[in-house]
Protein backbone atom coordinates (compact mmCIF):
# COMPACT_ATOMS: atom_id res chain seq x y z
CA MET A 1 -0.30 0.12 0.00
CA HIS A 2 1.08 3.62 -0.60
CA LEU A 3 0.61 5.57 2.71
CA LEU A 4 0.65 9.13 3.67
CA MET A 5 2.27 9.43 7.02
CA THR A 6 1.10 12.56 8.78
CA ARG A 7 2.49 12.78 12.27
CA PRO A 8 5.82 15.05 12.88
CA GLU A 9 9.20 14.39 12.13
CA THR A 10 11.16 12.46 14.92
CA GLU A 11 14.58 14.51 14.74
CA GLY A 12 17.32 12.41 15.07
CA GLU A 13 15.87 8.99 15.27
CA ALA A 14 13.75 7.23 12.80
CA ASP A 15 10.16 6.88 13.16
CA PRO A 16 9.42 3.25 14.51
CA LEU A 17 5.83 2.98 13.02
CA GLU A 18 7.28 4.11 9.50
CA THR A 19 10.15 1.72 9.66
CA SER A 20 7.92 -0.94 10.51
CA LEU A 21 5.48 -0.25 7.54
CA ILE A 22 8.44 0.01 4.97
CA ALA A 23 9.68 -3.38 6.21
CA SER A 24 6.20 -5.00 5.88
CA GLY A 25 6.61 -3.89 2.00
CA HIS A 26 4.39 -0.68 1.92
CA ARG A 27 5.36 2.75 0.42
CA VAL A 28 5.32 5.74 3.01
CA THR A 29 5.32 9.33 1.84
CA ARG A 30 5.85 11.54 4.84
CA ALA A 31 4.12 15.10 5.30
CA PRO A 32 4.10 16.07 8.89
CA LEU A 33 1.28 18.37 9.59
CA LEU A 34 2.78 19.47 12.74
CA ALA A 35 6.26 20.91 13.48
CA VAL A 36 7.52 20.07 17.03
CA THR A 37 9.82 22.44 18.95
CA TYR A 38 11.58 21.42 22.08
CA SER A 39 12.46 23.55 25.22
CA GLY A 40 15.15 21.46 26.17
CA THR A 41 14.78 22.51 29.95
CA MET A 42 14.06 20.10 32.94
CA PRO A 43 11.11 21.51 35.14
CA SER A 44 11.90 21.79 38.80
CA LEU A 45 11.28 18.59 40.74
CA ASP A 46 11.14 19.84 44.53
CA GLY A 47 8.32 18.05 46.38
CA VAL A 48 7.66 15.94 43.04
CA GLN A 49 6.57 12.27 43.31
CA ALA A 50 5.98 11.40 40.00
CA LEU A 51 6.49 12.31 36.50
CA ILE A 52 3.79 11.96 33.44
CA ALA A 53 4.26 11.83 29.89
CA THR A 54 1.32 11.66 27.45
CA SER A 55 3.89 11.50 24.27
CA ARG A 56 6.94 11.00 23.42
CA ASN A 57 7.63 14.34 22.59
CA GLY A 58 7.34 15.07 26.31
CA LEU A 59 10.31 13.00 27.01
CA LYS A 60 12.28 13.97 24.14
CA ALA A 61 12.28 17.62 25.23
CA ILE A 62 13.72 17.16 28.63
CA ALA A 63 15.97 14.26 27.28
CA SER A 64 19.31 16.38 26.77
CA SER A 65 18.80 17.75 30.68
CA LEU A 66 17.90 14.73 32.47
CA PRO A 67 19.33 14.71 36.03
CA PRO A 68 19.56 11.17 38.20
CA SER A 69 16.88 12.53 40.35
CA ALA A 70 14.54 12.59 37.93
CA LEU A 71 15.28 9.07 36.36
CA ALA A 72 14.59 7.79 39.63
CA LEU A 73 10.83 9.28 40.18
CA PRO A 74 8.42 7.02 38.73
CA LEU A 75 7.37 7.92 35.32
CA PHE A 76 3.75 7.20 33.94
CA ALA A 77 3.78 6.94 30.46
CA VAL A 78 0.75 7.22 28.31
CA GLY A 79 1.33 3.89 26.27
CA PRO A 80 3.83 1.49 25.41
CA ALA A 81 5.81 3.51 22.60
CA THR A 82 6.05 6.46 25.45
CA GLY A 83 7.10 4.07 28.05
CA LYS A 84 9.78 2.31 25.89
CA LEU A 85 11.51 5.61 25.26
CA GLY A 86 11.21 6.36 29.04
CA ARG A 87 13.20 3.16 29.69
CA SER A 88 15.68 3.93 26.89
CA LEU A 89 16.50 7.40 28.79
CA GLY A 90 16.90 5.64 31.88
CA PHE A 91 14.01 5.64 33.85
CA GLN A 92 14.12 3.12 36.66
CA ARG A 93 10.15 2.70 37.11
CA VAL A 94 7.90 3.14 34.07
CA ILE A 95 4.41 2.53 34.36
CA LYS A 96 2.50 2.20 31.26
CA GLY A 97 -0.84 3.07 30.44
CA ALA A 98 -3.63 1.75 27.83
CA GLY A 99 -2.92 4.71 25.29
CA THR A 100 -5.07 7.47 26.28
CA GLY A 101 -5.17 10.19 28.66
CA ARG A 102 -8.64 9.05 30.23
CA ALA A 103 -6.83 5.84 30.95
CA LEU A 104 -3.40 7.42 32.27
CA HIS A 105 -5.59 9.31 34.57
CA GLU A 106 -7.22 5.99 35.96
CA LEU A 107 -4.09 4.04 36.15
CA ILE A 108 -2.33 7.18 38.04
CA ALA A 109 -4.90 7.52 40.96
CA ALA A 110 -5.05 3.72 41.61
CA THR A 111 -1.25 3.92 41.82
CA VAL A 112 -0.15 6.82 44.00
CA ARG A 113 -1.50 8.98 46.68
CA PRO A 114 -2.20 12.67 46.62
CA GLU A 115 -0.76 13.22 49.71
CA ALA A 116 2.92 11.92 48.67
CA GLY A 117 3.34 14.86 46.45
CA SER A 118 2.63 16.90 43.15
CA LEU A 119 2.95 15.31 39.77
CA VAL A 120 4.67 17.01 37.04
CA HIS A 121 2.90 16.55 33.54
CA LEU A 122 5.61 16.95 30.69
CA ALA A 123 3.12 18.67 28.13
CA GLY A 124 3.08 20.05 25.06
CA ASP A 125 1.17 23.73 24.30
CA THR A 126 -2.04 21.85 23.26
CA LEU A 127 -3.69 19.17 25.59
CA ALA A 128 -5.88 16.65 24.14
CA TYR A 129 -7.12 15.53 27.76
CA ASP A 130 -7.34 17.87 30.84
CA LEU A 131 -5.17 15.68 33.00
CA LYS A 132 -4.51 18.00 35.85
CA GLY A 133 -8.58 18.71 35.93
CA ALA A 134 -9.35 15.17 36.34
CA LEU A 135 -6.65 14.34 38.89
CA GLY A 136 -7.43 17.54 40.63
CA ALA A 137 -10.77 16.45 41.39
CA GLU A 138 -9.34 13.41 43.05
CA ARG A 139 -7.19 15.82 45.25
CA PHE A 140 -3.97 15.47 43.22
CA SER A 141 -1.70 18.60 42.73
CA VAL A 142 -0.66 18.60 39.14
CA ARG A 143 1.91 20.92 37.74
CA THR A 144 1.69 21.10 33.84
CA GLU A 145 4.99 21.83 32.59
CA VAL A 146 4.57 22.76 28.74
CA VAL A 147 8.21 21.37 27.40
CA TYR A 148 7.45 21.50 23.59
CA GLN A 149 5.68 23.45 21.03
CA THR A 150 3.95 22.64 17.97
CA ARG A 151 2.80 24.34 14.92
CA GLU A 152 0.26 23.55 12.53
CA ALA A 153 1.42 23.25 8.69
CA GLY A 154 -0.16 25.62 6.29
CA GLU A 155 -0.44 23.40 3.35
CA PHE A 156 0.23 20.04 1.84
CA PRO A 157 3.31 19.71 -0.31
CA ALA A 158 2.61 20.05 -4.27
CA SER A 159 3.94 16.59 -4.38
CA VAL A 160 1.08 15.15 -2.01
CA VAL A 161 -1.53 17.21 -3.48
CA ASP A 162 -0.41 15.33 -6.85
CA THR A 163 -0.54 12.31 -5.76
CA PHE A 164 -4.02 12.66 -3.97
CA ARG A 165 -5.32 13.83 -7.41
CA ALA A 166 -3.95 10.88 -9.18
CA GLY A 167 -5.52 8.46 -6.74
CA GLY A 168 -1.98 7.50 -5.64
CA PHE A 169 -2.54 6.90 -1.83
CA ASP A 170 -4.07 3.73 -0.52
CA GLY A 171 -4.23 5.33 3.03
CA VAL A 172 -3.50 8.12 5.33
CA ILE A 173 -2.27 7.52 8.85
CA LEU A 174 -3.56 9.68 11.22
CA MET A 175 -2.24 9.46 15.20
CA SER A 176 -3.83 12.21 17.00
CA PRO A 177 -6.80 14.55 16.80
CA ARG A 178 -4.98 17.32 16.08
CA THR A 179 -3.49 15.96 13.40
CA ALA A 180 -6.70 14.82 12.06
CA ARG A 181 -8.07 18.37 12.16
CA VAL A 182 -5.15 20.10 10.33
CA TYR A 183 -5.56 17.20 7.61
CA ALA A 184 -9.37 17.90 7.12
CA ARG A 185 -8.57 21.64 7.03
CA LEU A 186 -6.12 21.25 4.56
CA THR A 187 -8.14 18.58 2.41
CA HIS A 188 -10.87 21.06 2.10
CA ALA A 189 -8.48 23.89 1.38
CA SER A 190 -6.43 22.07 -1.29
CA GLY A 191 -9.84 21.08 -3.00
CA LEU A 192 -9.22 17.21 -2.20
CA SER A 193 -12.37 16.26 -0.35
CA ASP A 194 -13.28 14.09 -3.38
CA ALA A 195 -9.82 12.63 -4.13
CA ALA A 196 -9.42 11.93 -0.41
CA GLY A 197 -12.28 9.51 -0.55
CA ALA A 198 -10.24 7.22 -2.35
CA ALA A 199 -8.16 6.37 0.60
CA VAL A 200 -8.38 4.52 3.57
CA HIS A 201 -8.04 6.71 6.91
CA PHE A 202 -6.23 4.76 9.54
CA CYS A 203 -7.00 6.37 12.76
CA LEU A 204 -5.39 5.75 16.15
CA SER A 205 -8.67 6.25 18.12
CA GLU A 206 -12.35 7.28 17.83
CA ALA A 207 -11.56 10.40 18.77
CA VAL A 208 -9.33 11.25 15.85
CA GLY A 209 -11.69 9.65 13.54
CA GLN A 210 -14.25 12.18 14.80
CA GLU A 211 -12.52 14.99 13.29
CA LEU A 212 -12.84 13.76 9.87
CA ALA A 213 -16.44 14.33 10.18
CA GLY A 214 -16.65 17.17 8.12
CA LEU A 215 -15.31 15.61 4.98
CA ALA A 216 -17.06 14.12 2.17
CA PRO A 217 -17.71 10.47 2.98
CA VAL A 218 -14.32 8.87 3.64
CA ARG A 219 -13.56 5.43 4.87
CA ILE A 220 -12.39 5.48 8.57
CA GLU A 221 -10.68 2.42 10.30
CA VAL A 222 -10.03 2.62 14.04
CA ALA A 223 -7.03 0.44 15.74
CA ARG A 224 -8.38 -1.83 18.23
CA LEU A 225 -6.16 -0.15 20.95
CA PRO A 226 -4.28 3.03 20.63
CA ASN A 227 -0.94 2.31 19.95
CA SER A 228 1.14 1.76 17.01
CA GLN A 229 1.18 -2.08 17.28
CA GLU A 230 -2.64 -2.00 16.73
CA MET A 231 -2.14 0.53 13.81
CA LEU A 232 0.34 -1.83 12.17
CA ALA A 233 -2.21 -4.74 12.74
CA LEU A 234 -4.81 -2.84 11.27
CA ILE A 235 -2.97 -1.65 8.14
CA ALA A 236 -1.93 -5.21 7.45
CA HIS A 237 -5.53 -6.34 7.98
CA GLU A 238 -6.59 -3.95 5.17
CA ALA A 239 -3.49 -5.09 2.95
CA SER A 240 -4.22 -8.32 3.17
CA ASP A 241 -7.90 -7.97 2.45
CA SER A 242 -7.22 -5.51 -0.66
CA SER A 243 -4.60 -8.06 -2.08
């Protein structure tokens, strides 16, 4: 399958999802719809009992400034990919969630006590789930530290527009609600609503798929669980059905 990958570039490292797709025989064209910049600074850890990372970007933002005291703290990671990165950075205790902010909130509330100290959320400038509000309702003190910024793409690359118009994409990979929202906006702006209908839209979650509601009827397939492994399985199943 010829797939359009829309998530941000992973500076200095290969995208593991893209690598796996290419190894499986797929052709991948990249068109990142969000650009990410990192703060490169580590927030204060005074009185902190644990760190929270709701994306790999939150960890990559502080990777160059991690003190031993941070690595000794428990790290609550939103899903397997974020947890794997945490372990590679040297975190001694990584507690992995099921892939969503809501599931991570429930895991944190069941694992640690509010009176043991505050929680630091390594966050981006746009939040998909109000973790601070949800945990605050259960008496937790959460400090949201914005350690990376995201900027939305203003247009598709010309080559992507041409490929869409030629019916060249079999699928589009959408890994976050914000990315899907930008994709829908650019699809309209480029006059590609009808052309996009020829591609299967592989969405990490139902929330991602809902952002495509304003497009002309498009086929949406949602991963069984919100992680890269399930996205690979979903794409493999579609590829086998279409062969």
